[in-house]
């Protein structure tokens, strides 16, 4: 039981330290505007890198997956409600899979 507790504690430290160190060291550092702008887009890039492989492997064919993803992206860019974005992506895949 103690070894399990030590394992969880070690994992917490290993997870927390990489987040804490930059926060403490960079709190007084002025970042260049280009780096600030780059960091603003980082969450979107990470989200895309998590979603895109799932899109490609969600259907039987890559072409239907790309069409469904393209429909969803187009609807999202048009600021359509999220429910309709998802339904549009599903409809795009369904139409291509049935045809």
Protein backbone atom coordinates (compact mmCIF):
# COMPACT_ATOMS: atom_id res chain seq x y z
CA UNK A 1 0.00 0.00 0.00
CA UNK A 2 2.87 2.37 0.79
CA UNK A 3 4.49 1.66 -2.58
CA UNK A 4 1.23 2.54 -4.34
CA UNK A 5 1.04 5.81 -2.40
CA UNK A 6 4.67 6.60 -3.27
CA UNK A 7 3.98 5.83 -6.92
CA UNK A 8 1.00 8.20 -7.01
CA UNK A 9 3.01 10.86 -5.18
CA UNK A 10 5.91 10.50 -7.63
CA UNK A 11 3.55 10.77 -10.59
CA UNK A 12 2.01 13.92 -9.10
CA UNK A 13 5.44 15.50 -8.67
CA UNK A 14 6.52 14.56 -12.20
CA UNK A 15 3.31 16.07 -13.58
CA UNK A 16 3.32 19.22 -11.46
CA UNK A 17 6.99 20.26 -11.70
CA UNK A 18 7.08 20.84 -15.50
CA UNK A 19 4.06 23.13 -15.14
CA UNK A 20 5.38 25.00 -12.12
CA UNK A 21 8.95 25.67 -13.28
CA UNK A 22 8.09 27.82 -16.34
CA UNK A 23 5.46 29.65 -14.32
CA UNK A 24 7.99 30.63 -11.67
CA UNK A 25 10.87 31.38 -14.05
CA UNK A 26 8.93 33.25 -16.73
CA UNK A 27 6.62 35.37 -14.59
CA UNK A 28 8.86 38.45 -14.89
CA UNK A 29 10.08 37.83 -18.45
CA UNK A 30 8.57 39.96 -21.20
CA UNK A 31 7.89 37.75 -24.18
CA UNK A 32 8.28 39.11 -27.72
CA UNK A 33 4.98 39.88 -29.50
CA UNK A 34 5.58 37.14 -32.09
CA UNK A 35 5.99 34.52 -29.37
CA UNK A 36 2.88 35.78 -27.55
CA UNK A 37 0.86 35.49 -30.76
CA UNK A 38 2.26 31.98 -31.35
CA UNK A 39 1.28 30.91 -27.84
CA UNK A 40 -2.26 32.21 -28.35
CA UNK A 41 -2.76 29.71 -31.19
CA UNK A 42 -1.15 26.75 -29.41
CA UNK A 43 -4.39 25.41 -27.83
CA UNK A 44 -6.06 25.33 -31.26
CA UNK A 45 -3.11 23.47 -32.78
CA UNK A 46 -3.14 20.91 -29.98
CA UNK A 47 -6.89 20.43 -30.35
CA UNK A 48 -6.53 19.94 -34.10
CA UNK A 49 -3.73 17.41 -33.62
CA UNK A 50 -5.97 15.43 -31.28
CA UNK A 51 -9.07 15.57 -33.49
CA UNK A 52 -7.63 15.05 -36.99
CA UNK A 53 -6.39 11.45 -36.56
CA UNK A 54 -9.77 10.52 -35.09
CA UNK A 55 -11.53 11.97 -38.12
CA UNK A 56 -9.40 9.92 -40.51
CA UNK A 57 -10.00 6.65 -38.68
CA UNK A 58 -13.70 7.11 -37.89
CA UNK A 59 -15.06 5.76 -41.19
CA UNK A 60 -14.34 2.98 -43.65
CA UNK A 61 -12.86 5.32 -46.25
CA UNK A 62 -10.61 8.31 -45.84
CA UNK A 63 -12.50 10.29 -48.50
CA UNK A 64 -15.80 10.16 -46.59
CA UNK A 65 -13.99 11.14 -43.40
CA UNK A 66 -12.37 14.13 -45.11
CA UNK A 67 -15.70 15.23 -46.61
CA UNK A 68 -17.44 14.96 -43.24
CA UNK A 69 -14.63 16.91 -41.59
CA UNK A 70 -14.73 19.55 -44.33
CA UNK A 71 -18.49 19.96 -43.94
CA UNK A 72 -18.07 20.35 -40.18
CA UNK A 73 -15.25 22.90 -40.59
CA UNK A 74 -17.28 24.87 -43.14
CA UNK A 75 -20.32 24.98 -40.88
CA UNK A 76 -18.16 25.98 -37.92
CA UNK A 77 -16.59 28.80 -39.93
CA UNK A 78 -20.10 30.02 -40.75
CA UNK A 79 -20.73 30.16 -36.98
CA UNK A 80 -23.54 27.61 -37.10
CA UNK A 81 -24.74 26.12 -33.81
CA UNK A 82 -22.45 23.32 -32.59
CA UNK A 83 -25.24 20.73 -32.75
CA UNK A 84 -25.75 21.48 -36.45
CA UNK A 85 -21.99 21.37 -37.07
CA UNK A 86 -21.87 17.84 -35.68
CA UNK A 87 -25.02 16.79 -37.53
CA UNK A 88 -23.68 18.30 -40.76
CA UNK A 89 -20.44 16.35 -40.43
CA UNK A 90 -22.37 13.16 -39.77
CA UNK A 91 -24.65 13.86 -42.75
CA UNK A 92 -21.64 14.46 -45.01
CA UNK A 93 -20.14 11.12 -44.04
CA UNK A 94 -23.48 9.35 -44.33
CA UNK A 95 -24.17 10.68 -47.83
CA UNK A 96 -20.74 9.64 -49.07
CA UNK A 97 -20.90 6.21 -47.41
CA UNK A 98 -24.37 5.46 -48.84
CA UNK A 99 -23.53 6.66 -52.36
